[in-house]
Protein backbone atom coordinates (compact mmCIF):
# COMPACT_ATOMS: atom_id res chain seq x y z
CA MET A 1 0.24 0.33 0.03
CA LEU A 2 2.29 2.70 1.11
CA THR A 3 4.52 1.88 -1.81
CA ASP A 4 2.04 3.40 -4.06
CA PHE A 5 2.02 6.00 -1.58
CA PHE A 6 5.31 6.53 -2.33
CA TYR A 7 5.06 6.69 -6.02
CA THR A 8 2.27 8.97 -5.65
CA LEU A 9 4.33 11.44 -4.06
CA ARG A 10 6.90 11.15 -6.15
CA ALA A 11 4.34 11.84 -9.29
CA ALA A 12 2.87 15.11 -7.66
CA LYS A 13 6.89 16.10 -8.16
CA LEU A 14 7.65 16.13 -4.12
CA PRO A 15 11.29 15.70 -3.78
CA VAL A 16 11.09 12.34 -1.60
CA SER A 17 13.71 9.63 -1.60
CA VAL A 18 14.06 5.74 -0.72
CA LYS A 19 15.76 6.26 1.97
CA GLU A 20 13.38 8.74 3.47
CA TYR A 21 10.83 6.44 2.79
CA LEU A 22 12.52 3.31 4.07
CA VAL A 23 12.77 5.83 7.59
CA LEU A 24 9.15 6.00 7.80
CA LEU A 25 8.54 2.22 7.65
CA GLU A 26 10.69 1.59 10.25
CA ALA A 27 8.87 4.56 12.24
CA LEU A 28 5.73 2.95 11.70
CA GLN A 29 7.34 -0.65 12.72
CA SER A 30 8.66 1.16 15.99
CA ASN A 31 5.10 2.06 16.96
CA VAL A 32 6.30 5.81 16.79
CA VAL A 33 2.26 7.12 16.45
CA GLY A 34 0.77 5.09 19.09
CA PRO A 35 1.06 1.90 21.53
CA GLN A 36 1.39 -1.09 19.71
CA SER A 37 -2.28 -2.28 20.98
CA GLU A 38 -3.52 0.50 19.09
CA ALA A 39 -4.26 1.23 15.22
CA CYS A 40 -2.39 4.18 13.74
CA SER A 41 -5.00 6.97 12.81
CA ILE A 42 -5.08 8.81 9.24
CA ASP A 43 -4.13 11.88 11.47
CA ASP A 44 -1.19 10.54 13.06
CA PHE A 45 0.24 9.27 10.09
CA TYR A 46 -0.24 12.35 8.26
CA HIS A 47 1.85 14.44 11.15
CA LEU A 48 4.76 11.55 10.84
CA SER A 49 4.77 10.73 7.01
CA ARG A 50 5.04 14.95 6.40
CA THR A 51 7.72 14.96 9.02
CA VAL A 52 9.65 12.19 7.47
CA LEU A 53 9.17 12.98 3.77
CA VAL A 54 8.59 16.45 3.48
CA LYS A 55 12.34 18.34 4.26
CA ASP A 56 11.00 22.27 3.07
CA GLU A 57 8.12 23.87 4.13
CA LYS A 58 7.13 25.45 1.21
CA HIS A 59 6.38 21.81 -0.29
CA PHE A 60 3.60 21.64 2.24
CA ASP A 61 0.80 22.44 0.19
CA LYS A 62 1.74 19.81 -2.81
CA PHE A 63 2.46 17.32 0.26
CA ASP A 64 -1.20 17.89 1.39
CA ARG A 65 -3.09 17.68 -2.04
CA ALA A 66 -1.21 14.20 -2.91
CA PHE A 67 -1.75 12.32 0.55
CA SER A 68 -5.35 13.37 0.47
CA ALA A 69 -6.00 12.38 -2.94
CA TYR A 70 -4.31 9.01 -2.19
CA PHE A 71 -6.15 8.77 0.77
CA LYS A 72 -9.28 9.53 -0.60
CA GLY A 73 -8.95 5.75 -2.55
CA VAL A 74 -7.76 7.15 -5.61
CA GLU A 75 -3.93 5.86 -5.99
CA MET A 76 -2.91 8.34 -8.86
CA LEU A 77 -5.56 11.42 -8.95
CA ALA A 78 -2.16 13.05 -7.78
CA ASP A 79 -1.91 12.78 -11.82
CA PHE A 80 -3.71 16.08 -12.73
CA THR A 81 -1.08 17.06 -14.57
CA LYS A 82 -2.09 14.55 -17.20
CA ASP A 83 -3.28 16.42 -20.20
CA ILE A 84 -6.68 16.16 -21.52
CA PRO A 85 -7.01 17.33 -25.60
CA LEU A 86 -8.36 20.63 -25.90
CA GLU A 87 -10.62 19.51 -28.63
CA TRP A 88 -12.43 17.44 -25.81
CA LEU A 89 -13.27 20.79 -24.49
CA ARG A 90 -14.17 22.53 -27.12
CA LYS A 91 -17.19 25.18 -26.41
CA ASN A 92 -19.85 24.79 -29.28
CA LEU A 93 -23.17 24.99 -27.07
CA GLU A 94 -23.66 26.18 -23.12
CA LEU A 95 -26.33 23.54 -21.57
CA ASN A 96 -29.03 25.35 -20.13
CA LEU A 97 -31.71 23.32 -17.92
CA SER A 98 -34.78 24.13 -15.71
CA PRO A 99 -34.81 24.07 -11.95
CA GLU A 100 -37.27 20.95 -12.64
CA GLU A 101 -34.72 19.41 -15.06
CA LYS A 102 -31.66 20.26 -12.77
CA ALA A 103 -33.30 18.61 -9.57
CA LYS A 104 -33.64 15.18 -11.71
CA ILE A 105 -29.83 15.17 -12.31
CA GLU A 106 -28.41 12.98 -9.61
CA LYS A 107 -24.72 13.68 -7.94
CA MET A 108 -22.24 10.94 -7.09
CA GLY A 109 -20.44 11.06 -3.80
CA TRP A 110 -16.92 11.95 -3.39
CA ASP A 111 -15.31 8.69 -3.59
CA GLU A 112 -17.83 7.57 -6.64
CA LEU A 113 -16.67 11.06 -8.16
CA MET A 114 -12.81 10.49 -8.13
CA GLU A 115 -13.17 6.75 -8.99
CA THR A 116 -15.35 7.32 -12.20
CA LEU A 117 -13.15 10.16 -13.22
CA LYS A 118 -10.07 7.86 -13.14
CA LYS A 119 -11.96 5.37 -15.36
CA ARG A 120 -13.29 8.02 -18.04
CA LEU A 121 -9.24 9.09 -18.39
CA GLU A 122 -8.38 5.90 -18.93
CA GLU A 123 -11.11 5.08 -21.10
CA GLN A 124 -12.31 7.77 -23.34
CA LYS A 125 -10.69 8.24 -26.83
CA GLY A 126 -12.71 10.95 -28.03
CA ARG A 127 -14.41 14.54 -27.61
CA HIS A 128 -18.09 14.06 -26.20
CA GLU A 129 -21.00 16.64 -26.38
CA GLY A 130 -24.20 17.11 -24.75
CA GLY A 131 -23.83 13.53 -22.81
CA ASN A 132 -24.35 12.40 -19.15
CA LYS A 133 -21.07 10.07 -18.94
CA TRP A 134 -17.67 11.12 -20.52
CA ILE A 135 -15.37 14.15 -20.29
CA GLY A 136 -16.75 16.68 -22.88
CA THR A 137 -18.95 20.03 -22.84
CA GLY A 138 -22.87 20.81 -22.77
CA GLY A 139 -23.94 17.92 -21.20
CA ARG A 140 -24.99 16.58 -18.04
CA SER A 141 -21.88 14.81 -17.24
CA PRO A 142 -20.32 15.12 -13.85
CA PHE A 143 -16.70 15.62 -15.87
CA GLY A 144 -15.98 19.09 -17.88
CA ALA A 145 -17.25 22.38 -19.00
CA ASN A 146 -19.92 24.52 -20.13
CA GLY A 147 -22.92 22.12 -19.12
CA PHE A 148 -24.90 21.00 -15.60
CA ASN A 149 -24.38 18.93 -12.93
CA PRO A 150 -25.02 19.26 -9.07
CA GLN A 151 -21.65 17.91 -7.96
CA GLY A 152 -18.85 17.64 -10.72
CA ILE A 153 -15.39 18.25 -11.18
CA ARG A 154 -15.07 21.21 -13.72
CA ILE A 155 -12.54 20.97 -16.55
CA GLY A 156 -11.63 23.69 -19.00
CA GLN A 157 -13.71 26.52 -18.33
CA ASP A 158 -12.72 29.83 -17.73
CA LYS A 159 -15.02 30.48 -15.00
CA GLY A 160 -17.79 29.13 -12.60
CA ARG A 161 -21.01 29.32 -13.78
CA ASN A 162 -23.32 27.54 -11.52
CA LYS A 163 -20.88 27.14 -8.00
CA SER A 164 -21.58 23.56 -7.66
CA ALA A 165 -18.00 22.22 -8.52
CA ILE A 166 -16.23 20.47 -5.96
CA LYS A 167 -12.81 20.25 -7.82
CA VAL A 168 -11.63 22.61 -10.68
CA TRP A 169 -8.81 20.75 -12.63
CA ASP A 170 -7.55 23.76 -14.41
CA GLN A 171 -6.45 25.11 -10.68
CA ARG A 172 -3.87 22.69 -10.58
CA ALA A 173 -1.88 25.54 -12.47
CA TYR A 174 -1.84 27.97 -9.54
CA LYS A 175 0.00 26.35 -6.86
CA ASP A 176 1.48 28.40 -3.95
CA TYR A 177 4.44 27.24 -3.51
CA ASP A 178 5.16 26.95 -7.34
CA ASP A 179 8.26 29.03 -7.81
CA THR A 180 7.04 30.98 -11.07
CA GLN A 181 3.31 31.69 -9.09
CA GLU A 182 2.37 34.75 -7.00
CA LEU A 183 2.67 34.31 -3.44
CA GLY A 184 0.43 34.66 -0.35
CA THR A 185 1.60 36.26 3.00
CA ARG A 186 2.77 32.75 4.41
CA ASN A 187 4.54 32.10 1.09
CA ILE A 188 6.16 35.17 1.50
CA LYS A 189 7.16 34.90 4.89
CA VAL A 190 9.06 31.38 3.83
CA ALA A 191 11.43 32.81 1.43
CA LEU A 192 11.87 36.42 3.62
CA ARG A 193 13.07 34.05 6.39
CA ARG A 194 16.30 33.45 4.45
CA LEU A 195 17.29 36.64 5.59
CA ARG A 196 16.64 36.72 9.19
CA LYS A 197 20.21 36.79 11.54
CA PHE A 198 20.18 35.91 15.30
CA ALA A 199 21.95 37.45 17.64
CA ARG A 200 21.96 37.30 21.82
CA GLU A 201 20.53 40.52 23.06
CA GLY A 202 18.69 42.04 26.23
CA ALA A 203 19.00 40.34 29.47
CA GLN A 204 20.02 36.92 30.69
CA ASP A 205 16.62 35.41 30.58
CA GLU A 206 17.28 31.88 28.86
CA LEU A 207 18.89 28.77 30.26
CA ASP A 208 22.23 27.94 28.31
CA LEU A 209 21.88 24.26 29.24
CA PRO A 210 25.56 23.26 27.61
CA ASP A 211 27.41 25.61 29.66
CA THR A 212 25.44 24.42 32.42
CA ILE A 213 26.06 21.16 31.73
CA HIS A 214 30.01 21.92 31.69
CA SER A 215 30.14 23.92 34.68
CA THR A 216 28.06 21.80 36.77
CA ALA A 217 30.49 18.93 35.64
CA ALA A 218 33.30 21.18 36.52
CA ASN A 219 31.82 21.73 39.89
CA ALA A 220 32.43 18.53 41.16
CA GLY A 221 28.14 17.54 40.13
CA TRP A 222 26.92 20.66 42.40
CA LEU A 223 24.17 22.62 40.09
CA ASP A 224 25.87 25.58 38.36
CA ILE A 225 23.01 27.00 36.36
CA LYS A 226 23.87 29.60 33.37
CA MET A 227 21.99 31.92 31.65
CA VAL A 228 22.27 33.75 28.10
CA PRO A 229 20.03 36.54 26.43
CA GLU A 230 17.59 35.70 24.27
CA ARG A 231 17.91 35.32 20.57
CA HIS A 232 16.25 37.86 18.49
CA ASN A 233 16.06 38.87 14.60
CA ASN A 234 18.86 41.51 14.57
CA VAL A 235 18.58 42.30 10.69
CA LYS A 236 17.92 45.93 9.54
CA VAL A 237 15.35 46.41 6.88
CA LEU A 238 14.90 50.05 5.21
CA LEU A 239 11.80 49.11 2.81
CA LEU A 240 11.10 51.96 -0.16
CA MET A 241 7.61 51.11 -1.91
CA ASP A 242 6.28 52.35 -5.42
CA VAL A 243 2.72 53.55 -4.76
CA GLY A 244 0.13 54.65 -7.35
CA GLY A 245 -0.09 54.43 -11.53
CA THR A 246 0.83 51.24 -13.08
CA MET A 247 1.52 49.98 -9.28
CA ASP A 248 -2.26 49.85 -8.75
CA GLU A 249 -2.90 46.44 -10.30
CA HIS A 250 -0.42 44.60 -8.06
CA ILE A 251 -1.84 46.46 -4.95
CA ALA A 252 -2.72 43.02 -3.20
CA ARG A 253 0.62 41.11 -4.24
CA VAL A 254 2.46 44.32 -2.81
CA GLU A 255 0.46 44.34 0.55
CA GLU A 256 0.92 40.93 1.15
CA LEU A 257 4.83 41.58 0.77
CA PHE A 258 4.84 44.09 2.94
CA SER A 259 2.47 41.97 5.51
CA ALA A 260 5.14 39.50 5.41
CA ALA A 261 7.82 41.87 6.07
CA LYS A 262 6.63 43.50 9.17
CA ALA A 263 5.71 40.50 10.60
CA GLU A 264 9.40 38.71 9.89
CA PHE A 265 11.44 41.78 10.66
CA LYS A 266 11.68 43.55 14.00
CA HIS A 267 13.94 46.58 12.41
CA LEU A 268 11.75 47.78 9.43
CA GLU A 269 11.53 51.20 8.03
CA PHE A 270 9.45 51.88 5.10
CA TYR A 271 8.64 54.77 3.05
CA TYR A 272 6.50 55.28 -0.25
CA PHE A 273 7.97 56.94 -3.44
CA HIS A 274 6.00 57.20 -6.85
CA ASN A 275 7.77 56.06 -9.94
CA CYS A 276 11.16 56.41 -9.37
CA VAL A 277 12.84 58.28 -6.30
CA TYR A 278 13.78 62.23 -5.74
CA ASP A 279 14.38 64.36 -3.59
CA PHE A 280 11.66 63.67 -0.86
CA MET A 281 9.41 59.90 0.24
CA TRP A 282 6.87 59.70 2.31
CA LYS A 283 5.04 57.44 5.02
CA ASN A 284 1.41 58.35 4.51
CA ASN A 285 -0.28 58.39 1.14
CA ARG A 286 -2.88 60.47 2.31
CA ARG A 287 -0.39 63.34 3.92
CA ARG A 288 2.33 62.88 0.84
CA PHE A 289 2.82 66.01 0.13
CA ALA A 290 2.18 67.55 3.68
CA GLU A 291 4.47 65.37 5.34
CA LYS A 292 7.77 64.89 3.25
CA PHE A 293 10.86 62.98 4.29
CA ALA A 294 13.66 64.58 2.49
CA THR A 295 15.53 61.46 1.02
CA ILE A 296 19.00 63.18 2.13
CA ASP A 297 17.91 63.00 5.65
CA ILE A 298 16.84 59.52 4.94
CA LEU A 299 20.49 59.04 3.59
CA ARG A 300 21.77 60.14 7.06
CA LYS A 301 19.66 58.57 9.33
CA TYR A 302 20.33 54.76 8.55
CA ASN A 303 23.81 53.56 8.62
CA LYS A 304 25.31 51.10 5.99
CA ASP A 305 23.79 47.83 8.34
CA TYR A 306 20.48 48.32 6.69
CA LYS A 307 19.21 46.46 3.63
CA LEU A 308 18.09 48.71 1.25
CA ILE A 309 14.98 46.71 -0.59
CA PHE A 310 12.98 48.77 -3.54
CA ILE A 311 9.14 47.21 -4.68
CA GLY A 312 8.39 48.67 -7.64
CA ASP A 313 7.11 48.01 -11.12
CA ALA A 314 10.17 50.41 -12.59
CA THR A 315 7.43 50.99 -15.33
CA MET A 316 7.43 54.69 -16.20
CA SER A 317 8.78 57.18 -19.00
CA PRO A 318 12.84 56.99 -19.15
CA TYR A 319 12.90 60.80 -18.91
CA GLU A 320 11.39 59.92 -14.86
CA ILE A 321 14.52 58.41 -14.43
CA LEU A 322 17.26 60.00 -16.65
CA GLN A 323 16.39 63.84 -16.61
CA PRO A 324 16.00 66.78 -14.24
CA GLY A 325 11.81 67.91 -14.29
CA GLY A 326 11.15 64.24 -15.59
CA SER A 327 8.74 63.35 -12.77
CA VAL A 328 4.94 62.94 -13.64
CA GLU A 329 3.95 65.08 -10.32
CA TYR A 330 6.73 68.13 -10.13
CA ASN A 331 9.70 69.56 -11.38
CA ASN A 332 12.70 67.34 -9.60
CA GLU A 333 16.06 69.43 -9.62
CA GLU A 334 18.00 66.31 -10.15
CA ALA A 335 16.87 62.83 -12.20
CA GLY A 336 15.90 60.03 -10.32
CA ALA A 337 18.89 57.98 -11.59
CA GLU A 338 20.93 60.23 -9.13
CA TRP A 339 18.98 59.47 -6.01
CA LEU A 340 19.11 55.79 -6.92
CA GLN A 341 23.04 55.83 -6.82
CA ARG A 342 23.44 57.71 -3.85
CA LEU A 343 20.95 55.25 -2.30
CA THR A 344 23.15 52.03 -3.53
CA HIS A 345 26.23 53.65 -2.55
CA ALA A 346 24.67 54.34 0.78
CA PHE A 347 23.65 50.86 1.74
CA PRO A 348 25.73 48.31 -0.01
CA LYS A 349 23.19 45.34 0.69
CA PHE A 350 20.21 46.14 -1.72
CA ALA A 351 17.98 44.46 -4.29
CA TRP A 352 14.70 45.21 -6.59
CA ILE A 353 12.11 43.53 -6.39
CA ASN A 354 9.36 43.64 -9.25
CA PRO A 355 5.86 42.74 -9.61
CA GLU A 356 5.48 42.86 -13.33
CA PRO A 357 6.17 39.54 -15.22
CA GLN A 358 9.38 39.25 -15.71
CA GLY A 359 8.51 38.09 -19.62
CA VAL A 360 7.61 41.47 -20.42
CA TRP A 361 10.87 43.27 -18.76
CA GLN A 362 12.90 42.97 -21.93
CA TYR A 363 9.93 45.32 -23.72
CA ARG A 364 10.35 48.25 -21.35
CA GLN A 365 12.80 50.77 -21.64
CA SER A 366 12.67 51.99 -18.04
CA ILE A 367 12.72 48.73 -16.57
CA ALA A 368 15.96 47.88 -18.54
CA ILE A 369 17.45 51.25 -17.11
CA VAL A 370 16.74 50.79 -13.56
CA GLN A 371 18.14 47.23 -13.58
CA GLN A 372 21.69 48.95 -15.12
CA LEU A 373 21.24 51.57 -12.06
CA MET A 374 20.80 48.19 -9.66
CA SER A 375 23.95 46.64 -11.13
CA GLN A 376 21.10 43.91 -12.08
CA ARG A 377 20.28 43.40 -8.93
CA MET A 378 16.44 42.95 -9.85
CA TYR A 379 14.22 40.26 -9.03
CA PRO A 380 10.59 39.16 -9.57
CA LEU A 381 8.15 38.84 -7.26
CA THR A 382 7.72 35.14 -7.28
CA LEU A 383 8.99 32.53 -4.75
CA LYS A 384 12.45 31.52 -6.28
CA GLY A 385 12.98 35.91 -7.08
CA LEU A 386 12.36 36.35 -3.16
CA GLU A 387 14.62 33.72 -2.24
CA ASP A 388 17.52 35.05 -4.58
CA ALA A 389 16.77 37.96 -3.45
CA MET A 390 17.29 37.30 -0.07
CA ARG A 391 19.99 35.13 -0.52
CA LEU A 392 22.07 38.02 -2.31
CA LEU A 393 21.21 40.72 0.66
CA SER A 394 22.46 37.59 3.58
CA LYS A 395 25.50 37.40 1.93
């Protein structure tokens, strides 16, 4: 049974080795998850197998999907990466039924639905439309698009119609921990943790067990308790965020990144700018002209120990970067490029996080200019991009 479970995890692209699998079997034989007289519950086995087999938190979601799929009774439900011919899903008609007609259609239970889908994938050889059995379109089948079933799996449909699907095949392209996808706050925290650096600070209120043991032994067995200060994250971050204009479409993701950064870094300072940094920045967008912070003062206030992180799409007219007076909002005396260079010289550890898809960077002249000013230290707002940026800043 567990051999198939192992292959299900591998099919779900989890980096699980044979050695880890053997450790799991050894743990089960040793009754790690419960007394020998009692059977291991599925929850116990879940926590044990995740602990043994998954070595990186970014794979937890992928493991959960594979585990749930396998123990629902369908061994290879994890094989949702299998291609379904687009011809099967071509939309020629969209089924519309009356409430009475809908009420007559019976729905399958979860196990039956999943087992039936597995059989259809094995048996089906061509396109079907308007039926009630095969994967197709415009019918009463629980599998496909643009039809109706009180409980089915939506496949190849751009959006919901009846809000009755219990699973959407197409959503498997959106994996929380995939290196190329947008991130949630929890996922961003995982990437930002690469930058954390701990040091012992404050009062001595934490037991130093190794030193206590050594001192007690040296003291002929008389207890000699040793204390040390608690360990705190002492990384200092200066976060400069582009806001407004073309950044409006990235608000949700930047908010997630900002929220995660505030949770992960004890010493975090932040300011806003628009398009490019000029002679002032601000902390409150509603009062950005009334409560200005001179950029030159920011340069003087924070020392070079701070890690400098820009967040912006770097999408603007090249004049806004290279030309005095190029700002879209006011007549700046010095070009934005001058201020960017001052900032990167003042803070040697710096990086630029760009929420724009990396595929469009080559078509934006302003992005190329900013990349050059950043010494090519521009990274996309993806899991891999954040990890690469944090790795650079931690050196």
